[in-house]
Amino acid sequence: MGLQTTRSPAPSARASPKTTKSSPSSDSFAKVESNCSFEYALSDSRNCGITLHYFASGFVTGAVNAIFFDVLAGYLNVSAAVMQGGVNLAQLPTVFSIVLGILSDSWPICGLRRRPYMLGGWLLAAACSFCLMGMGLPGPYYCFSSEEDRYLFEQAPCNPDAVDFYVPLMVCVCGAQLGITAAGSAANGLMVEYAKAEAEENRGRAQTLLQMVNTAGYFVSVTIVAFGFNGRMFTGSFNQRHQLSYQEAIGIVAVMCTVTGALCAVKVHERPGGSASLRDYSRSSWHLLESKAFCAVALFFFASSSIFNISTTARVWVGLEWAKTENMQRQLCGMLGACLSLLGSWLIQKWFLGASWRKIIFVTGVSTTLLDAIPQFCTIFDVIRNQYFYLGEPVTQNVPQAMSALVTTFLINELADDSNCALVAGLMDTIAAVAQRLSVVLSNQVFSVFTPSLSDRMNYIEDTQDFRWTVASSFLLSYFIYSLCFLALPLLPAQKGEARERKQTWCKRPVFAMLATFILGVTLLYTLIGDFLVLDPSLTCLHFLGGQGC
């Protein structure tokens, strides 16, 4: 809901024992030297820091997203459109992944290019988590009866100003996201260094392993939230007195961030690297964007994460009001989604490393869409309204995102040179982040024209037949738009060999870089306008933000 995990291009290979020098190409400027071989292995104590980094990334992301969904939707009663706008604000730092990747590649601290950025990033995330603990929460929007252990929806709100408290919460989450993005950019660069030294037939196997570690962290966090932060004050199933408080739940996140930062300070095994000119490195970024091979891949992921990722704002209240999902059921679905992602990752690293990347995305997308559509329409038309039958986002969105992240990681291995690993990983993260933010803004704008409003909780409480058809049509539009992304699959290479062939044979032209920069710049500016407008609660009624007009 608030944090976005960094992609998990885990290490998997044995690095060359020889000194590694920068590629003579214009894409390579950072010089890396090593006098000894090093190898990633889960059992190697020198890799404890990087392993915990990926586990903690999944853990913190899963916990914060689950906690703040319950806080925003249940406790503060924030509208669905404003909730999505606040999430966009919280994820703003992911846009700067390329900048953080360049810093990690070219500006070592005390001779180290990865460890200091990972340490600093996790300590920043810990500081923001402690800040969230200190702020606490105001009184809930609706009156909460301790005797009946429920909200009194039939009465007037006790604290109508509570709905505006999302602003300081999202600002703190934004700071935590900045720290996680900085740590992730450095870690991803290190992991691609390992992977590039791996034999082609095995390349990506251990990367998939660390994505499984990341997913395991997510699984553990949603399990804790499902059984520990599951009081009825936060859309849960159990008596609030027997569950973790908000401060206690955030405290667990803060401790995880602190421990991870401390371990990253001493248990990340990397080769020392020399500094490089930021001007030369910026030129390297430009040359990368001039490549038709890179731009084709970037265009696919930009389009599939933005225009083809437009999603109805009705999802929140269909689940909460019609399916009557509570925190327990949402987290169980999250656990199911994590298990399916783990299974998919294990199958890929075991048998399908050579499978077509296009087929992986197509099969995953079609199967999860069908899996989503059946419970959605049964819930909308009151055929089956059961919280255990309704799946929702954890399965239908997290699984395709996990498979897409794997494919992106494999592509980075082939497109990156030895010395610009964090740059390429950061640029792909930036493109995906800008595109994802655009999809949220466009979703709010497109579905704000539906009447009655899809973001107003009262329409779901009234539950008229006409409104059911309005909600159903919004889902049909979402599925149709998503299906169009399959037409763009030829932009992706099918496998590693084709990716390398494209890199070597496809042309490089400045016009590609100019178009890419223009599109990313305009998109970022457009989404930033929405981010700053959503900071003023009095402007959330604007059509631009998904409101019904001021």
Protein backbone atom coordinates (compact mmCIF):
# COMPACT_ATOMS: atom_id res chain seq x y z
CA MET A 1 0.00 0.00 0.00
CA GLY A 2 2.83 2.38 0.76
CA LEU A 3 6.18 0.78 0.00
CA GLN A 4 7.39 -0.78 -3.19
CA THR A 5 9.99 -3.47 -2.92
CA THR A 6 13.10 -3.24 -5.02
CA ARG A 7 13.52 -5.87 -7.69
CA SER A 8 15.57 -8.83 -6.56
CA PRO A 9 18.35 -9.59 -9.02
CA ALA A 10 20.13 -11.89 -6.67
CA PRO A 11 23.69 -13.05 -7.14
CA SER A 12 24.32 -16.48 -8.36
CA ALA A 13 27.73 -16.81 -9.77
CA ARG A 14 31.38 -17.16 -9.18
CA ALA A 15 33.27 -14.02 -10.02
CA SER A 16 36.50 -14.17 -11.91
CA PRO A 17 39.60 -14.26 -9.73
CA LYS A 18 41.32 -11.94 -12.13
CA THR A 19 41.23 -8.20 -11.96
CA THR A 20 38.07 -6.91 -13.53
CA LYS A 21 38.40 -3.70 -15.49
CA SER A 22 35.93 -1.38 -17.02
CA SER A 23 34.64 -2.21 -20.43
CA PRO A 24 36.13 0.01 -23.10
CA SER A 25 32.64 0.77 -24.39
CA SER A 26 31.04 4.12 -23.79
CA ASP A 27 28.70 2.45 -21.32
CA SER A 28 31.43 1.59 -18.84
CA PHE A 29 33.32 4.01 -16.65
CA ALA A 30 33.45 2.72 -13.09
CA LYS A 31 36.60 0.70 -12.52
CA VAL A 32 36.37 -2.35 -10.34
CA GLU A 33 39.36 -4.23 -9.07
CA SER A 34 39.62 -7.51 -7.25
CA ASN A 35 42.54 -9.63 -6.19
CA CYS A 36 40.57 -12.64 -5.05
CA SER A 37 37.55 -14.61 -6.11
CA PHE A 38 34.29 -14.37 -4.26
CA GLU A 39 31.16 -16.40 -4.50
CA TYR A 40 27.59 -16.01 -3.32
CA ALA A 41 26.22 -18.82 -1.19
CA LEU A 42 23.46 -18.81 1.41
CA SER A 43 25.74 -20.73 3.78
CA ASP A 44 28.60 -18.20 3.48
CA SER A 45 28.58 -15.90 6.51
CA ARG A 46 30.11 -13.12 4.41
CA ASN A 47 26.84 -12.92 2.48
CA CYS A 48 24.56 -12.66 5.51
CA GLY A 49 24.04 -8.95 4.95
CA ILE A 50 22.96 -9.17 1.33
CA THR A 51 20.69 -12.14 2.06
CA LEU A 52 19.03 -10.33 4.96
CA HIS A 53 18.66 -7.26 2.73
CA TYR A 54 16.43 -9.15 0.31
CA PHE A 55 14.51 -10.84 3.11
CA ALA A 56 13.98 -7.51 4.88
CA SER A 57 12.93 -5.79 1.64
CA GLY A 58 10.09 -8.28 1.27
CA PHE A 59 9.30 -8.20 4.98
CA VAL A 60 9.11 -4.42 5.32
CA THR A 61 7.21 -3.95 2.07
CA GLY A 62 4.63 -6.59 2.96
CA ALA A 63 4.18 -5.35 6.52
CA VAL A 64 3.90 -1.65 5.70
CA ASN A 65 1.54 -2.22 2.78
CA ALA A 66 -0.75 -4.40 4.92
CA ILE A 67 -0.65 -2.12 7.96
CA PHE A 68 -1.36 1.07 6.07
CA PHE A 69 -4.19 -0.42 4.04
CA ASP A 70 -5.92 -1.17 7.35
CA VAL A 71 -5.05 2.25 8.76
CA LEU A 72 -6.12 4.28 5.71
CA ALA A 73 -9.21 2.34 4.65
CA GLY A 74 -10.49 1.19 8.04
CA TYR A 75 -9.24 3.56 10.72
CA LEU A 76 -9.03 6.90 8.87
CA ASN A 77 -11.74 6.16 6.24
CA VAL A 78 -9.70 7.63 3.36
CA SER A 79 -11.38 7.39 -0.06
CA ALA A 80 -10.02 4.91 -2.59
CA ALA A 81 -8.83 7.60 -5.02
CA VAL A 82 -7.04 9.61 -2.31
CA MET A 83 -5.55 6.39 -0.97
CA GLN A 84 -4.02 5.63 -4.36
CA GLY A 85 -2.74 9.20 -4.64
CA GLY A 86 -1.12 8.92 -1.22
CA VAL A 87 0.54 5.67 -2.25
CA ASN A 88 1.90 7.42 -5.33
CA LEU A 89 3.44 10.06 -3.08
CA ALA A 90 4.93 7.42 -0.78
CA GLN A 91 6.57 5.65 -3.73
CA LEU A 92 8.07 8.82 -5.23
CA PRO A 93 11.70 7.89 -4.32
CA THR A 94 11.61 4.85 -6.61
CA VAL A 95 11.69 7.30 -9.53
CA PHE A 96 15.24 8.19 -8.56
CA SER A 97 16.58 4.64 -8.68
CA ILE A 98 18.80 5.53 -11.63
CA VAL A 99 20.40 8.42 -9.72
CA LEU A 100 21.06 6.21 -6.71
CA GLY A 101 22.39 3.48 -9.00
CA ILE A 102 24.81 5.92 -10.63
CA LEU A 103 26.02 7.09 -7.21
CA SER A 104 26.60 3.52 -6.10
CA ASP A 105 28.48 2.63 -9.29
CA SER A 106 30.63 5.73 -9.55
CA TRP A 107 31.04 7.26 -6.08
CA PRO A 108 32.52 4.76 -3.59
CA ILE A 109 32.64 5.66 0.09
CA CYS A 110 35.80 4.50 1.86
CA GLY A 111 36.58 2.44 -1.24
CA LEU A 112 33.26 0.58 -1.13
CA ARG A 113 30.47 1.05 -3.68
CA ARG A 114 27.65 -1.00 -2.19
CA ARG A 115 27.90 -1.47 1.57
CA PRO A 116 27.75 2.22 2.65
CA TYR A 117 24.63 2.88 0.57
CA MET A 118 22.93 -0.21 1.93
CA LEU A 119 23.80 0.79 5.50
CA GLY A 120 22.62 4.38 5.04
CA GLY A 121 19.44 3.35 3.28
CA TRP A 122 18.32 0.94 5.97
CA LEU A 123 19.15 3.35 8.78
CA LEU A 124 17.06 6.04 7.05
CA ALA A 125 14.17 3.57 6.78
CA ALA A 126 14.58 2.75 10.48
CA ALA A 127 14.56 6.44 11.44
CA CYS A 128 11.33 7.04 9.49
CA SER A 129 9.75 3.98 11.13
CA PHE A 130 10.60 5.30 14.59
CA CYS A 131 9.12 8.65 13.52
CA LEU A 132 5.86 6.88 12.61
CA MET A 133 5.86 5.28 16.04
CA GLY A 134 6.33 8.63 17.72
CA MET A 135 3.51 10.32 15.78
CA GLY A 136 0.98 7.63 16.56
CA LEU A 137 -2.56 8.01 15.22
CA PRO A 138 -5.42 10.42 15.96
CA GLY A 139 -8.79 9.14 17.08
CA PRO A 140 -10.58 7.00 14.46
CA TYR A 141 -12.91 8.59 11.90
CA TYR A 142 -15.97 6.66 13.11
CA CYS A 143 -16.80 6.09 16.75
CA PHE A 144 -15.46 2.76 18.01
CA SER A 145 -17.34 0.93 20.74
CA SER A 146 -14.98 -0.98 23.03
CA GLU A 147 -17.91 -2.90 24.53
CA GLU A 148 -19.25 -4.08 21.16
CA ASP A 149 -15.75 -4.10 19.61
CA ARG A 150 -16.94 -2.49 16.37
CA TYR A 151 -17.27 0.82 14.58
CA LEU A 152 -20.60 2.62 14.94
CA PHE A 153 -21.21 3.35 11.26
CA GLU A 154 -24.81 4.29 11.96
CA GLN A 155 -23.67 7.32 13.97
CA ALA A 156 -22.06 10.55 12.79
CA PRO A 157 -18.23 10.42 12.62
CA CYS A 158 -16.53 11.13 15.93
CA ASN A 159 -13.39 12.58 14.33
CA PRO A 160 -14.07 13.77 10.75
CA ASP A 161 -10.64 15.44 10.62
CA ALA A 162 -8.93 12.05 10.93
CA VAL A 163 -9.27 11.54 7.17
CA ASP A 164 -6.62 14.26 6.62
CA PHE A 165 -3.97 12.52 8.73
CA TYR A 166 -2.86 10.46 5.74
CA VAL A 167 -0.53 13.32 4.70
CA PRO A 168 2.09 13.06 7.52
CA LEU A 169 1.86 9.28 7.39
CA MET A 170 2.64 9.16 3.68
CA VAL A 171 5.49 11.67 4.04
CA CYS A 172 7.19 9.39 6.59
CA VAL A 173 6.58 6.32 4.43
CA CYS A 174 8.09 8.27 1.53
CA GLY A 175 11.27 8.75 3.58
CA ALA A 176 11.39 5.04 4.38
CA GLN A 177 10.93 4.25 0.69
CA LEU A 178 13.89 6.51 -0.14
CA GLY A 179 16.08 4.49 2.21
CA ILE A 180 14.93 1.14 0.84
CA THR A 181 15.40 2.37 -2.74
CA ALA A 182 18.96 3.53 -1.98
CA ALA A 183 19.84 0.20 -0.36
CA GLY A 184 18.15 -1.74 -3.16
CA SER A 185 19.93 0.15 -5.94
CA ALA A 186 23.32 -0.69 -4.43
CA ALA A 187 22.37 -4.31 -3.74
CA ASN A 188 20.98 -4.84 -7.24
CA GLY A 189 24.19 -3.53 -8.77
CA LEU A 190 26.26 -5.97 -6.72
CA MET A 191 23.99 -8.86 -7.61
CA VAL A 192 24.19 -8.20 -11.34
CA GLU A 193 28.01 -8.23 -11.01
CA TYR A 194 27.77 -11.77 -9.67
CA ALA A 195 25.27 -12.88 -12.29
CA LYS A 196 27.30 -11.60 -15.26
CA ALA A 197 30.14 -13.95 -14.35
CA GLU A 198 27.80 -16.92 -14.36
CA ALA A 199 27.68 -19.53 -17.11
CA GLU A 200 24.92 -18.81 -19.61
CA GLU A 201 22.99 -22.02 -18.97
CA ASN A 202 22.84 -21.25 -15.24
CA ARG A 203 22.56 -17.48 -15.39
CA GLY A 204 19.58 -16.37 -13.35
CA ARG A 205 19.27 -19.45 -11.14
CA ALA A 206 20.56 -17.87 -7.96
CA GLN A 207 18.91 -14.58 -8.87
CA THR A 208 15.66 -16.48 -8.71
CA LEU A 209 16.78 -17.96 -5.39
CA LEU A 210 17.15 -14.54 -3.80
CA GLN A 211 13.80 -13.48 -5.20
CA MET A 212 12.44 -16.46 -3.31
CA VAL A 213 14.19 -15.14 -0.19
CA ASN A 214 12.51 -11.78 -0.82
CA THR A 215 9.13 -13.48 -1.19
CA ALA A 216 9.76 -15.45 2.00
CA GLY A 217 10.24 -12.15 3.84
CA TYR A 218 6.93 -10.94 2.45
CA PHE A 219 5.26 -14.20 3.54
CA VAL A 220 6.56 -13.88 7.11
CA SER A 221 5.39 -10.27 7.41
CA VAL A 222 1.86 -10.90 6.17
CA THR A 223 1.65 -13.90 8.51
CA ILE A 224 2.52 -11.63 11.45
CA VAL A 225 -0.03 -9.05 10.32
CA ALA A 226 -2.70 -11.72 9.76
CA PHE A 227 -2.45 -13.12 13.28
CA GLY A 228 -0.94 -10.20 15.21
CA PHE A 229 -2.31 -6.95 13.73
CA ASN A 230 -5.85 -8.16 13.19
CA GLY A 231 -8.05 -6.20 15.58
CA ARG A 232 -11.49 -4.96 14.58
CA MET A 233 -10.35 -1.35 14.87
CA PHE A 234 -8.19 -2.04 11.80
CA THR A 235 -10.71 -4.02 9.68
CA GLY A 236 -9.64 -7.19 11.49
CA SER A 237 -11.34 -10.28 12.88
CA PHE A 238 -10.26 -10.40 16.54
CA ASN A 239 -10.80 -8.40 19.69
CA GLN A 240 -8.60 -5.32 19.50
CA ARG A 241 -7.36 -5.78 23.09
CA HIS A 242 -5.65 -9.05 22.15
CA GLN A 243 -3.82 -7.71 19.09
CA LEU A 244 -0.77 -5.58 18.41
CA SER A 245 -1.30 -1.84 18.55
CA TYR A 246 -0.30 0.37 15.63
CA GLN A 247 2.87 1.49 17.41
CA GLU A 248 3.86 -2.08 18.24
CA ALA A 249 3.38 -3.21 14.63
CA ILE A 250 5.48 -0.33 13.30
CA GLY A 251 8.05 -1.07 16.01
CA ILE A 252 8.63 -4.53 14.52
CA VAL A 253 9.32 -2.89 11.15
CA ALA A 254 11.71 -0.41 12.77
CA VAL A 255 13.67 -3.19 14.48
CA MET A 256 13.93 -5.15 11.22
CA CYS A 257 15.31 -2.08 9.42
CA THR A 258 17.83 -1.41 12.19
CA VAL A 259 19.11 -5.00 12.34
CA THR A 260 19.38 -5.19 8.54
CA GLY A 261 21.36 -1.95 8.40
CA ALA A 262 23.74 -3.16 11.09
CA LEU A 263 24.36 -6.49 9.34
CA CYS A 264 24.84 -4.79 5.96
CA ALA A 265 27.60 -2.73 7.56
CA VAL A 266 29.75 -5.80 8.26
CA LYS A 267 28.46 -8.75 6.22
CA VAL A 268 28.29 -7.63 2.59
CA HIS A 269 31.09 -9.13 0.52
CA GLU A 270 32.05 -6.84 -2.36
CA ARG A 271 35.09 -5.95 -4.37
CA PRO A 272 36.61 -2.51 -3.84
CA GLY A 273 35.95 -0.06 -6.65
CA GLY A 274 37.42 3.18 -7.88
CA SER A 275 35.51 6.40 -8.45
CA ALA A 276 34.37 7.61 -11.85
CA SER A 277 33.32 10.93 -13.34
CA LEU A 278 29.63 11.64 -12.82
CA ARG A 279 29.67 13.51 -16.12
CA ASP A 280 31.02 10.45 -17.91
CA TYR A 281 28.50 8.27 -16.14
CA SER A 282 25.65 10.54 -17.16
CA ARG A 283 26.92 10.26 -20.72
CA SER A 284 26.85 6.49 -20.26
CA SER A 285 23.16 6.72 -19.35
CA TRP A 286 22.49 8.70 -22.51
CA HIS A 287 24.33 6.16 -24.67
CA LEU A 288 22.29 3.39 -23.08
CA LEU A 289 19.07 5.17 -24.03
CA GLU A 290 20.34 5.54 -27.60
CA SER A 291 20.28 1.75 -27.99
CA LYS A 292 17.27 0.47 -29.91
CA ALA A 293 17.61 -2.87 -28.10
CA PHE A 294 17.31 -1.22 -24.69
CA CYS A 295 14.53 1.16 -25.75
CA ALA A 296 12.41 -1.71 -27.09
CA VAL A 297 12.58 -3.46 -23.73
CA ALA A 298 12.03 -0.20 -21.85
CA LEU A 299 9.00 0.65 -23.99
CA PHE A 300 7.36 -2.69 -23.22
CA PHE A 301 7.79 -2.37 -19.46
CA PHE A 302 6.78 1.30 -19.52
CA ALA A 303 3.58 0.56 -21.44
CA SER A 304 2.70 -2.58 -19.48
CA SER A 305 3.20 -0.75 -16.16
CA SER A 306 1.31 2.42 -17.13
CA ILE A 307 -1.29 2.51 -19.90
CA PHE A 308 -1.97 -1.23 -19.84
CA ASN A 309 -2.00 -1.28 -16.03
CA ILE A 310 -5.00 1.01 -15.53
CA SER A 311 -7.15 -0.55 -12.82
CA THR A 312 -10.59 0.28 -11.48
CA THR A 313 -10.77 2.13 -8.17
CA ALA A 314 -13.71 -0.10 -7.18
CA ARG A 315 -11.41 -2.90 -5.99
CA VAL A 316 -11.02 -1.52 -2.47
CA TRP A 317 -14.71 -1.32 -1.59
CA VAL A 318 -15.79 -4.42 -3.52
CA GLY A 319 -13.56 -6.36 -1.16
CA LEU A 320 -14.31 -4.48 2.05
CA GLU A 321 -18.06 -3.90 1.71
CA TRP A 322 -19.40 -6.61 -0.61
CA ALA A 323 -17.06 -9.52 0.02
CA LYS A 324 -16.68 -8.40 3.66
CA THR A 325 -12.98 -9.22 3.60
CA GLU A 326 -11.20 -8.56 6.84
CA ASN A 327 -7.54 -8.25 7.62
CA MET A 328 -7.18 -11.99 8.22
CA GLN A 329 -8.56 -12.94 4.82
CA ARG A 330 -6.53 -10.30 2.98
CA GLN A 331 -3.33 -11.50 4.59
CA LEU A 332 -4.20 -15.15 3.91
CA CYS A 333 -4.60 -14.16 0.26
CA GLY A 334 -1.26 -12.41 0.53
CA MET A 335 0.26 -15.61 1.88
CA LEU A 336 -1.31 -17.56 -0.99
CA GLY A 337 0.09 -15.04 -3.46
CA ALA A 338 3.54 -15.38 -1.88
CA CYS A 339 3.34 -19.18 -2.08
CA LEU A 340 2.36 -19.04 -5.76
CA SER A 341 5.21 -16.60 -6.43
CA LEU A 342 7.63 -18.90 -4.62
CA LEU A 343 6.37 -21.88 -6.61
CA GLY A 344 6.69 -19.99 -9.89
CA SER A 345 10.21 -18.80 -9.03
CA TRP A 346 11.26 -22.31 -7.99
CA LEU A 347 9.90 -23.84 -11.20
CA ILE A 348 11.73 -21.24 -13.29
CA GLN A 349 15.09 -21.72 -11.58
CA LYS A 350 14.67 -25.51 -11.66
CA TRP A 351 13.39 -26.18 -15.17
CA PHE A 352 12.45 -23.05 -17.08
CA LEU A 353 15.52 -20.81 -17.16
CA GLY A 354 15.56 -21.41 -20.91
CA ALA A 355 11.82 -20.86 -21.40
CA SER A 356 10.62 -17.98 -23.55
CA TRP A 357 10.27 -14.81 -21.49
CA ARG A 358 7.28 -13.81 -23.62
CA LYS A 359 5.50 -17.06 -22.76
CA ILE A 360 6.19 -16.61 -19.04
CA ILE A 361 4.54 -13.19 -19.03
CA PHE A 362 1.65 -14.27 -21.27
CA VAL A 363 0.76 -17.44 -19.34
CA THR A 364 1.04 -15.70 -15.98
CA GLY A 365 -1.05 -12.73 -17.11
CA VAL A 366 -3.86 -14.75 -18.67
CA SER A 367 -4.13 -17.25 -15.81
CA THR A 368 -4.21 -14.65 -13.04
CA THR A 369 -6.74 -12.50 -14.93
CA LEU A 370 -9.11 -15.45 -15.21
CA LEU A 371 -8.46 -16.27 -11.56
CA ASP A 372 -9.41 -12.71 -10.64
CA ALA A 373 -12.46 -12.27 -12.88
CA ILE A 374 -14.51 -15.18 -11.51
CA PRO A 375 -14.65 -14.08 -7.83
CA GLN A 376 -14.93 -10.41 -8.81
CA PHE A 377 -18.10 -10.82 -10.89
CA CYS A 378 -19.60 -13.37 -8.49
CA THR A 379 -19.11 -10.82 -5.71
CA ILE A 380 -20.38 -7.84 -7.71
CA PHE A 381 -23.67 -9.54 -8.69
CA ASP A 382 -24.16 -11.15 -5.26
CA VAL A 383 -23.84 -14.71 -6.59
CA ILE A 384 -21.22 -15.56 -3.97
CA ARG A 385 -20.18 -12.96 -1.43
CA ASN A 386 -17.73 -14.72 0.79
CA GLN A 387 -14.48 -13.37 2.16
CA TYR A 388 -12.72 -16.71 1.60
CA PHE A 389 -13.91 -16.96 -2.01
CA TYR A 390 -12.73 -13.45 -2.86
CA LEU A 391 -9.03 -13.33 -3.79
CA GLY A 392 -8.23 -9.72 -4.63
CA GLU A 393 -4.89 -8.04 -5.35
CA PRO A 394 -2.42 -10.25 -3.41
CA VAL A 395 -2.87 -13.10 -5.89
CA THR A 396 -3.99 -11.37 -9.08
CA GLN A 397 -1.37 -8.61 -9.07
CA ASN A 398 1.56 -9.82 -6.96
CA VAL A 399 2.12 -13.03 -8.95
CA PRO A 400 2.35 -11.32 -12.39
CA GLN A 401 4.56 -8.63 -10.85
CA ALA A 402 6.90 -11.27 -9.43
CA MET A 403 7.25 -13.01 -12.80
CA SER A 404 7.71 -9.68 -14.57
CA ALA A 405 10.44 -8.77 -12.08
CA LEU A 406 12.24 -12.03 -12.83
CA VAL A 407 12.13 -11.40 -16.58
CA THR A 408 13.38 -7.84 -16.03
CA THR A 409 16.25 -9.18 -13.94
CA PHE A 410 17.26 -11.66 -16.65
CA LEU A 411 17.18 -8.86 -19.24
CA ILE A 412 19.39 -6.63 -17.10
CA ASN A 413 21.99 -9.41 -16.95
CA GLU A 414 22.26 -9.35 -20.75
CA LEU A 415 21.99 -5.58 -21.31
CA ALA A 416 24.43 -4.46 -18.60
CA ASP A 417 28.19 -4.23 -18.97
CA ASP A 418 30.54 -5.28 -16.19
CA SER A 419 30.87 -1.80 -14.72
CA ASN A 420 27.43 -0.22 -15.14
CA CYS A 421 25.32 -2.87 -13.42
CA ALA A 422 23.62 -0.55 -10.92
CA LEU A 423 23.05 2.02 -13.67
CA VAL A 424 21.10 -0.41 -15.88
CA ALA A 425 19.18 -1.86 -12.93
CA GLY A 426 18.42 1.64 -11.64
CA LEU A 427 17.27 2.86 -15.04
CA MET A 428 14.86 -0.05 -15.38
CA ASP A 429 13.57 0.60 -11.85
CA THR A 430 13.08 4.28 -12.68
CA ILE A 431 11.17 3.50 -15.87
CA ALA A 432 8.91 1.05 -14.02
CA ALA A 433 8.37 3.49 -11.15
CA VAL A 434 7.42 6.42 -13.39
CA ALA A 435 5.09 4.17 -15.38
CA GLN A 436 3.44 2.75 -12.26
CA ARG A 437 2.78 6.24 -10.94
CA LEU A 438 1.20 7.22 -14.25
CA SER A 439 -1.10 4.20 -14.10
CA VAL A 440 -2.42 5.33 -10.69
CA VAL A 441 -3.11 8.88 -11.91
CA LEU A 442 -4.78 7.64 -15.10
CA SER A 443 -6.82 5.08 -13.15
CA ASN A 444 -8.17 7.76 -10.83
CA GLN A 445 -8.99 10.05 -13.75
CA VAL A 446 -10.57 7.44 -16.04
CA PHE A 447 -12.74 5.84 -13.39
CA SER A 448 -13.77 9.14 -11.78
CA VAL A 449 -16.13 9.68 -14.75
CA PHE A 450 -18.18 6.63 -13.74
CA THR A 451 -21.37 7.51 -11.89
CA PRO A 452 -22.29 6.83 -9.17
CA SER A 453 -18.77 7.29 -7.80
CA LEU A 454 -16.66 4.14 -7.59
CA SER A 455 -14.64 5.65 -4.72
CA ASP A 456 -17.56 6.46 -2.41
CA ARG A 457 -18.10 3.81 0.25
CA MET A 458 -21.80 4.70 0.67
CA ASN A 459 -22.60 3.52 -2.86
CA TYR A 460 -21.41 0.04 -1.92
CA ILE A 461 -23.41 0.10 1.30
CA GLU A 462 -26.60 1.02 -0.65
CA ASP A 463 -25.76 -1.72 -3.22
CA THR A 464 -28.26 -0.94 -5.99
CA GLN A 465 -28.56 -3.08 -9.12
CA ASP A 466 -27.60 -0.16 -11.38
CA PHE A 467 -24.46 0.47 -9.36
CA ARG A 468 -23.48 -3.19 -9.62
CA TRP A 469 -23.50 -2.87 -13.42
CA THR A 470 -21.42 0.31 -13.14
CA VAL A 471 -18.82 -1.54 -11.07
CA ALA A 472 -18.88 -4.54 -13.43
CA SER A 473 -18.30 -2.31 -16.46
CA SER A 474 -15.29 -0.74 -14.75
CA PHE A 475 -13.75 -4.20 -14.25
CA LEU A 476 -14.44 -5.18 -17.85
CA LEU A 477 -12.67 -2.03 -19.02
CA SER A 478 -9.69 -2.82 -16.76
CA TYR A 479 -9.37 -6.36 -18.13
CA PHE A 480 -9.66 -5.18 -21.74
CA ILE A 481 -6.93 -2.57 -21.30
CA TYR A 482 -4.66 -5.08 -19.57
CA SER A 483 -5.09 -7.63 -22.37
CA LEU A 484 -3.72 -5.12 -24.88
CA CYS A 485 -0.25 -5.44 -23.33
CA PHE A 486 0.10 -8.90 -24.88
CA LEU A 487 0.17 -7.25 -28.32
CA ALA A 488 3.42 -5.55 -27.27
CA LEU A 489 5.22 -8.79 -26.29
CA PRO A 490 7.31 -8.85 -29.54
CA LEU A 491 9.21 -5.86 -28.10
CA LEU A 492 10.79 -8.32 -25.65
CA PRO A 493 13.52 -10.72 -26.75
CA ALA A 494 12.49 -14.34 -26.30
CA GLN A 495 15.63 -15.41 -24.42
CA LYS A 496 19.24 -14.57 -23.51
CA GLY A 497 20.71 -15.27 -26.93
CA GLU A 498 18.26 -13.00 -28.73
CA ALA A 499 18.82 -10.28 -26.10
CA ARG A 500 22.59 -10.33 -26.70
CA GLU A 501 22.09 -10.41 -30.47
CA ARG A 502 19.86 -7.34 -30.30
CA LYS A 503 22.40 -5.54 -28.14
CA GLN A 504 25.19 -6.24 -30.63
CA THR A 505 23.34 -5.75 -33.94
CA TRP A 506 20.54 -3.26 -33.39
CA CYS A 507 21.36 0.35 -34.12
CA LYS A 508 22.00 3.25 -31.75
CA ARG A 509 20.47 6.63 -32.55
CA PRO A 510 20.23 9.85 -30.53
CA VAL A 511 16.56 10.16 -31.42
CA PHE A 512 15.78 7.12 -29.24
CA ALA A 513 17.41 8.78 -26.23
CA MET A 514 15.63 12.09 -26.89
CA LEU A 515 12.22 10.42 -27.19
CA ALA A 516 12.79 8.31 -24.07
CA THR A 517 13.91 11.32 -22.04
CA PHE A 518 10.97 13.41 -23.25
CA ILE A 519 8.40 10.71 -22.45
CA LEU A 520 9.84 10.02 -18.99
CA GLY A 521 10.15 13.73 -18.21
CA VAL A 522 6.59 14.61 -19.22
CA THR A 523 5.21 11.58 -17.40
CA LEU A 524 7.12 12.40 -14.22
CA LEU A 525 5.98 16.04 -14.31
CA TYR A 526 2.37 14.96 -14.84
CA THR A 527 2.44 12.59 -11.87
CA LEU A 528 4.29 15.06 -9.63
CA ILE A 529 1.45 17.54 -10.09
CA GLY A 530 -0.90 14.93 -8.67
CA ASP A 531 1.50 14.16 -5.81
CA PHE A 532 1.67 17.75 -4.65
CA LEU A 533 -2.06 18.36 -5.09
CA VAL A 534 -2.92 15.35 -2.93
CA LEU A 535 -0.92 16.91 -0.07
CA ASP A 536 -3.78 19.43 0.31
CA PRO A 537 -6.86 17.50 1.51
CA SER A 538 -9.13 20.33 0.30
CA LEU A 539 -8.11 19.58 -3.31
CA THR A 540 -8.83 15.85 -3.29
CA CYS A 541 -12.23 16.58 -4.83
CA LEU A 542 -10.57 17.54 -8.14
CA HIS A 543 -11.30 15.33 -11.17
CA PHE A 544 -7.53 15.24 -11.76
CA LEU A 545 -7.15 13.31 -8.49
CA GLY A 546 -10.16 11.09 -9.06
CA GLY A 547 -12.68 13.22 -7.16
CA GLN A 548 -16.16 14.21 -8.25
CA GLY A 549 -15.32 17.88 -8.75
CA CYS A 550 -14.96 20.81 -6.38
